[in-house]
Amino acid sequence: ERMARTLAGSSVMADALVAAAGRTQA
């Protein structure tokens, strides 16, 4: 269950930065 949360957490953070690319320029 911890590893499942690890994968979900990594994906969620990545998605947030993909969505914010316009303002972060990253």
PDB file of all heavy atoms in Angstrom:
ATOM      1  N   GLU A   1       0.840  -1.203   0.000  1.00  0.00           N
ATOM      2  CA  GLU A   1       0.000   0.000   0.000  1.00  0.00           C
ATOM      3  C   GLU A   1       0.873   1.250   0.000  1.00  0.00           C
ATOM      4  O   GLU A   1       0.565   2.243  -0.670  1.00  0.00           O
ATOM      5  CB  GLU A   1      -0.916  -0.035   1.228  1.00  0.00           C
ATOM      6  CG  GLU A   1      -1.960   1.075   1.271  1.00  0.00           C
ATOM      7  CD  GLU A   1      -1.444   2.350   1.919  1.00  0.00           C
ATOM      8  OE1 GLU A   1      -0.506   2.258   2.752  1.00  0.00           O
ATOM      9  OE2 GLU A   1      -1.953   3.441   1.581  1.00  0.00           O
ATOM     10  N   ARG A   2       1.986   1.212   0.746  1.00  0.00           N
ATOM     11  CA  ARG A   2       2.894   2.356   0.772  1.00  0.00           C
ATOM     12  C   ARG A   2       3.499   2.599  -0.604  1.00  0.00           C
ATOM     13  O   ARG A   2       3.620   3.746  -1.059  1.00  0.00           O
ATOM     14  CB  ARG A   2       4.006   2.133   1.784  1.00  0.00           C
ATOM     15  CG  ARG A   2       4.899   3.370   1.983  1.00  0.00           C
ATOM     16  CD  ARG A   2       6.309   3.022   2.444  1.00  0.00           C
ATOM     17  NE  ARG A   2       6.346   2.125   3.564  1.00  0.00           N
ATOM     18  CZ  ARG A   2       7.456   1.557   4.006  1.00  0.00           C
ATOM     19  NH1 ARG A   2       8.613   1.801   3.392  1.00  0.00           N
ATOM     20  NH2 ARG A   2       7.441   0.728   5.026  1.00  0.00           N
ATOM     21  N   MET A   3       3.891   1.526  -1.298  1.00  0.00           N
ATOM     22  CA  MET A   3       4.451   1.683  -2.630  1.00  0.00           C
ATOM     23  C   MET A   3       3.404   2.218  -3.611  1.00  0.00           C
ATOM     24  O   MET A   3       3.715   3.005  -4.515  1.00  0.00           O
ATOM     25  CB  MET A   3       5.017   0.354  -3.125  1.00  0.00           C
ATOM     26  CG  MET A   3       6.291  -0.095  -2.453  1.00  0.00           C
ATOM     27  SD  MET A   3       7.727   0.996  -2.753  1.00  0.00           S
ATOM     28  CE  MET A   3       7.671   2.003  -1.252  1.00  0.00           C
ATOM     29  N   ALA A   4       2.154   1.810  -3.429  1.00  0.00           N
ATOM     30  CA  ALA A   4       1.087   2.341  -4.282  1.00  0.00           C
ATOM     31  C   ALA A   4       0.927   3.843  -4.049  1.00  0.00           C
ATOM     32  O   ALA A   4       0.731   4.619  -5.004  1.00  0.00           O
ATOM     33  CB  ALA A   4      -0.220   1.602  -4.001  1.00  0.00           C
ATOM     34  N   ARG A   5       1.010   4.275  -2.786  1.00  0.00           N
ATOM     35  CA  ARG A   5       0.945   5.705  -2.498  1.00  0.00           C
ATOM     36  C   ARG A   5       2.165   6.433  -3.049  1.00  0.00           C
ATOM     37  O   ARG A   5       2.070   7.593  -3.474  1.00  0.00           O
ATOM     38  CB  ARG A   5       0.835   5.937  -0.993  1.00  0.00           C
ATOM     39  CG  ARG A   5      -0.574   5.755  -0.437  1.00  0.00           C
ATOM     40  CD  ARG A   5      -0.710   6.208   1.004  1.00  0.00           C
ATOM     41  NE  ARG A   5      -0.015   5.314   1.919  1.00  0.00           N
ATOM     42  CZ  ARG A   5       1.111   5.597   2.542  1.00  0.00           C
ATOM     43  NH1 ARG A   5       1.709   6.777   2.332  1.00  0.00           N
ATOM     44  NH2 ARG A   5       1.674   4.739   3.373  1.00  0.00           N
ATOM     45  N   THR A   6       3.317   5.769  -3.037  1.00  0.00           N
ATOM     46  CA  THR A   6       4.526   6.359  -3.594  1.00  0.00           C
ATOM     47  C   THR A   6       4.354   6.637  -5.084  1.00  0.00           C
ATOM     48  O   THR A   6       4.659   7.734  -5.569  1.00  0.00           O
ATOM     49  CB  THR A   6       5.729   5.427  -3.368  1.00  0.00           C
ATOM     50  OG1 THR A   6       5.909   5.216  -1.968  1.00  0.00           O
ATOM     51  CG2 THR A   6       6.987   6.010  -3.962  1.00  0.00           C
ATOM     52  N   LEU A   7       3.873   5.633  -5.816  1.00  0.00           N
ATOM     53  CA  LEU A   7       3.649   5.821  -7.250  1.00  0.00           C
ATOM     54  C   LEU A   7       2.609   6.897  -7.520  1.00  0.00           C
ATOM     55  O   LEU A   7       2.786   7.749  -8.396  1.00  0.00           O
ATOM     56  CB  LEU A   7       3.214   4.501  -7.876  1.00  0.00           C
ATOM     57  CG  LEU A   7       4.279   3.416  -8.018  1.00  0.00           C
ATOM     58  CD1 LEU A   7       3.674   2.154  -8.613  1.00  0.00           C
ATOM     59  CD2 LEU A   7       5.435   3.897  -8.893  1.00  0.00           C
ATOM     60  N   ALA A   8       1.512   6.850  -6.757  1.00  0.00           N
ATOM     61  CA  ALA A   8       0.465   7.848  -6.943  1.00  0.00           C
ATOM     62  C   ALA A   8       0.994   9.245  -6.641  1.00  0.00           C
ATOM     63  O   ALA A   8       0.705  10.212  -7.362  1.00  0.00           O
ATOM     64  CB  ALA A   8      -0.729   7.526  -6.053  1.00  0.00           C
ATOM     65  N   GLY A   9       1.787   9.355  -5.571  1.00  0.00           N
ATOM     66  CA  GLY A   9       2.326  10.662  -5.208  1.00  0.00           C
ATOM     67  C   GLY A   9       3.249  11.224  -6.263  1.00  0.00           C
ATOM     68  O   GLY A   9       3.192  12.416  -6.597  1.00  0.00           O
ATOM     69  N   SER A  10       4.115  10.381  -6.814  1.00  0.00           N
ATOM     70  CA  SER A  10       5.016  10.826  -7.861  1.00  0.00           C
ATOM     71  C   SER A  10       4.233  11.302  -9.077  1.00  0.00           C
ATOM     72  O   SER A  10       4.522  12.363  -9.652  1.00  0.00           O
ATOM     73  CB  SER A  10       5.952   9.673  -8.238  1.00  0.00           C
ATOM     74  OG  SER A  10       6.841  10.046  -9.263  1.00  0.00           O
ATOM     75  N   SER A  11       3.231  10.533  -9.469  1.00  0.00           N
ATOM     76  CA  SER A  11       2.436  10.887 -10.644  1.00  0.00           C
ATOM     77  C   SER A  11       1.643  12.171 -10.423  1.00  0.00           C
ATOM     78  O   SER A  11       1.578  13.036 -11.313  1.00  0.00           O
ATOM     79  CB  SER A  11       1.485   9.726 -10.977  1.00  0.00           C
ATOM     80  OG  SER A  11       0.718  10.011 -12.124  1.00  0.00           O
ATOM     81  N   VAL A  12       1.064  12.318  -9.240  1.00  0.00           N
ATOM     82  CA  VAL A  12       0.270  13.511  -8.935  1.00  0.00           C
ATOM     83  C   VAL A  12       1.142  14.770  -8.962  1.00  0.00           C
ATOM     84  O   VAL A  12       0.747  15.815  -9.514  1.00  0.00           O
ATOM     85  CB  VAL A  12      -0.430  13.349  -7.564  1.00  0.00           C
ATOM     86  CG1 VAL A  12      -0.949  14.688  -7.057  1.00  0.00           C
ATOM     87  CG2 VAL A  12      -1.574  12.351  -7.664  1.00  0.00           C
ATOM     88  N   MET A  13       2.328  14.693  -8.369  1.00  0.00           N
ATOM     89  CA  MET A  13       3.219  15.860  -8.386  1.00  0.00           C
ATOM     90  C   MET A  13       3.658  16.196  -9.807  1.00  0.00           C
ATOM     91  O   MET A  13       3.697  17.374 -10.197  1.00  0.00           O
ATOM     92  CB  MET A  13       4.432  15.598  -7.502  1.00  0.00           C
ATOM     93  CG  MET A  13       4.156  15.592  -6.016  1.00  0.00           C
ATOM     94  SD  MET A  13       5.679  15.569  -5.018  1.00  0.00           S
ATOM     95  CE  MET A  13       6.355  13.947  -5.419  1.00  0.00           C
ATOM     96  N   ALA A  14       3.992  15.152 -10.585  1.00  0.00           N
ATOM     97  CA  ALA A  14       4.403  15.394 -11.968  1.00  0.00           C
ATOM     98  C   ALA A  14       3.276  16.049 -12.755  1.00  0.00           C
ATOM     99  O   ALA A  14       3.506  17.014 -13.512  1.00  0.00           O
ATOM    100  CB  ALA A  14       4.828  14.091 -12.626  1.00  0.00           C
ATOM    101  N   ASP A  15       2.057  15.550 -12.578  1.00  0.00           N
ATOM    102  CA  ASP A  15       0.914  16.126 -13.295  1.00  0.00           C
ATOM    103  C   ASP A  15       0.706  17.592 -12.916  1.00  0.00           C
ATOM    104  O   ASP A  15       0.368  18.426 -13.771  1.00  0.00           O
ATOM    105  CB  ASP A  15      -0.353  15.329 -12.987  1.00  0.00           C
ATOM    106  CG  ASP A  15      -0.362  13.958 -13.644  1.00  0.00           C
ATOM    107  OD1 ASP A  15       0.476  13.713 -14.530  1.00  0.00           O
ATOM    108  OD2 ASP A  15      -1.210  13.130 -13.263  1.00  0.00           O
ATOM    109  N   ALA A  16       0.906  17.907 -11.639  1.00  0.00           N
ATOM    110  CA  ALA A  16       0.731  19.294 -11.195  1.00  0.00           C
ATOM    111  C   ALA A  16       1.740  20.212 -11.873  1.00  0.00           C
ATOM    112  O   ALA A  16       1.408  21.342 -12.273  1.00  0.00           O
ATOM    113  CB  ALA A  16       0.864  19.382  -9.679  1.00  0.00           C
ATOM    114  N   LEU A  17       2.982  19.744 -12.036  1.00  0.00           N
ATOM    115  CA  LEU A  17       3.994  20.577 -12.678  1.00  0.00           C
ATOM    116  C   LEU A  17       3.802  20.650 -14.194  1.00  0.00           C
ATOM    117  O   LEU A  17       4.129  21.658 -14.813  1.00  0.00           O
ATOM    118  CB  LEU A  17       5.386  20.063 -12.340  1.00  0.00           C
ATOM    119  CG  LEU A  17       5.813  20.288 -10.881  1.00  0.00           C
ATOM    120  CD1 LEU A  17       7.236  19.810 -10.664  1.00  0.00           C
ATOM    121  CD2 LEU A  17       5.690  21.754 -10.485  1.00  0.00           C
ATOM    122  N   VAL A  18       3.261  19.589 -14.784  1.00  0.00           N
ATOM    123  CA  VAL A  18       2.908  19.651 -16.202  1.00  0.00           C
ATOM    124  C   VAL A  18       1.847  20.729 -16.420  1.00  0.00           C
ATOM    125  O   VAL A  18       1.942  21.556 -17.341  1.00  0.00           O
ATOM    126  CB  VAL A  18       2.412  18.284 -16.701  1.00  0.00           C
ATOM    127  CG1 VAL A  18       1.779  18.414 -18.091  1.00  0.00           C
ATOM    128  CG2 VAL A  18       3.556  17.271 -16.749  1.00  0.00           C
ATOM    129  N   ALA A  19       0.830  20.733 -15.554  1.00  0.00           N
ATOM    130  CA  ALA A  19      -0.252  21.708 -15.678  1.00  0.00           C
ATOM    131  C   ALA A  19       0.234  23.134 -15.438  1.00  0.00           C
ATOM    132  O   ALA A  19      -0.342  24.088 -15.971  1.00  0.00           O
ATOM    133  CB  ALA A  19      -1.369  21.359 -14.696  1.00  0.00           C
ATOM    134  N   ALA A  20       1.289  23.286 -14.619  1.00  0.00           N
ATOM    135  CA  ALA A  20       1.772  24.623 -14.255  1.00  0.00           C
ATOM    136  C   ALA A  20       2.904  25.105 -15.141  1.00  0.00           C
ATOM    137  O   ALA A  20       3.494  26.163 -14.871  1.00  0.00           O
ATOM    138  CB  ALA A  20       2.221  24.610 -12.798  1.00  0.00           C
ATOM    139  N   ALA A  21       3.228  24.381 -16.222  1.00  0.00           N
ATOM    140  CA  ALA A  21       4.400  24.709 -17.029  1.00  0.00           C
ATOM    141  C   ALA A  21       4.340  26.130 -17.585  1.00  0.00           C
ATOM    142  O   ALA A  21       5.375  26.790 -17.740  1.00  0.00           O
ATOM    143  CB  ALA A  21       4.555  23.701 -18.170  1.00  0.00           C
ATOM    144  N   GLY A  22       3.147  26.628 -17.855  1.00  0.00           N
ATOM    145  CA  GLY A  22       3.021  27.970 -18.420  1.00  0.00           C
ATOM    146  C   GLY A  22       3.516  29.048 -17.478  1.00  0.00           C
ATOM    147  O   GLY A  22       4.089  30.044 -17.924  1.00  0.00           O
ATOM    148  N   ARG A  23       3.334  28.854 -16.183  1.00  0.00           N
ATOM    149  CA  ARG A  23       3.755  29.889 -15.240  1.00  0.00           C
ATOM    150  C   ARG A  23       5.132  29.623 -14.632  1.00  0.00           C
ATOM    151  O   ARG A  23       5.789  30.547 -14.172  1.00  0.00           O
ATOM    152  CB  ARG A  23       2.715  30.083 -14.138  1.00  0.00           C
ATOM    153  CG  ARG A  23       2.369  28.869 -13.299  1.00  0.00           C
ATOM    154  CD  ARG A  23       1.152  29.172 -12.416  1.00  0.00           C
ATOM    155  NE  ARG A  23       0.710  28.048 -11.629  1.00  0.00           N
ATOM    156  CZ  ARG A  23       1.052  27.835 -10.349  1.00  0.00           C
ATOM    157  NH1 ARG A  23       1.854  28.708  -9.743  1.00  0.00           N
ATOM    158  NH2 ARG A  23       0.596  26.795  -9.687  1.00  0.00           N
ATOM    159  N   THR A  24       5.577  28.376 -14.626  1.00  0.00           N
ATOM    160  CA  THR A  24       6.899  28.070 -14.063  1.00  0.00           C
ATOM    161  C   THR A  24       7.996  28.085 -15.113  1.00  0.00           C
ATOM    162  O   THR A  24       9.167  28.213 -14.779  1.00  0.00           O
ATOM    163  CB  THR A  24       6.905  26.679 -13.409  1.00  0.00           C
ATOM    164  OG1 THR A  24       6.689  25.677 -14.411  1.00  0.00           O
ATOM    165  CG2 THR A  24       5.825  26.573 -12.330  1.00  0.00           C
ATOM    166  N   GLN A  25       7.605  27.930 -16.393  1.00  0.00           N
ATOM    167  CA  GLN A  25       8.574  27.811 -17.493  1.00  0.00           C
ATOM    168  C   GLN A  25       9.520  26.638 -17.266  1.00  0.00           C
ATOM    169  O   GLN A  25      10.685  26.672 -17.646  1.00  0.00           O
ATOM    170  CB  GLN A  25       9.368  29.108 -17.654  1.00  0.00           C
ATOM    171  CG  GLN A  25       8.509  30.327 -17.970  1.00  0.00           C
ATOM    172  CD  GLN A  25       7.712  30.137 -19.261  1.00  0.00           C
ATOM    173  OE1 GLN A  25       8.283  29.910 -20.318  1.00  0.00           O
ATOM    174  NE2 GLN A  25       6.398  30.250 -19.176  1.00  0.00           N
ATOM    175  N   ALA A  26       8.998  25.592 -16.655  1.00  0.00           N
ATOM    176  CA  ALA A  26       9.750  24.355 -16.434  1.00  0.00           C
ATOM    177  C   ALA A  26       8.922  23.199 -16.953  1.00  0.00           C
ATOM    178  O   ALA A  26       7.684  23.209 -16.837  1.00  0.00           O
ATOM    179  CB  ALA A  26      10.060  24.164 -14.952  1.00  0.00           C
TER     180      ALA A  26
END
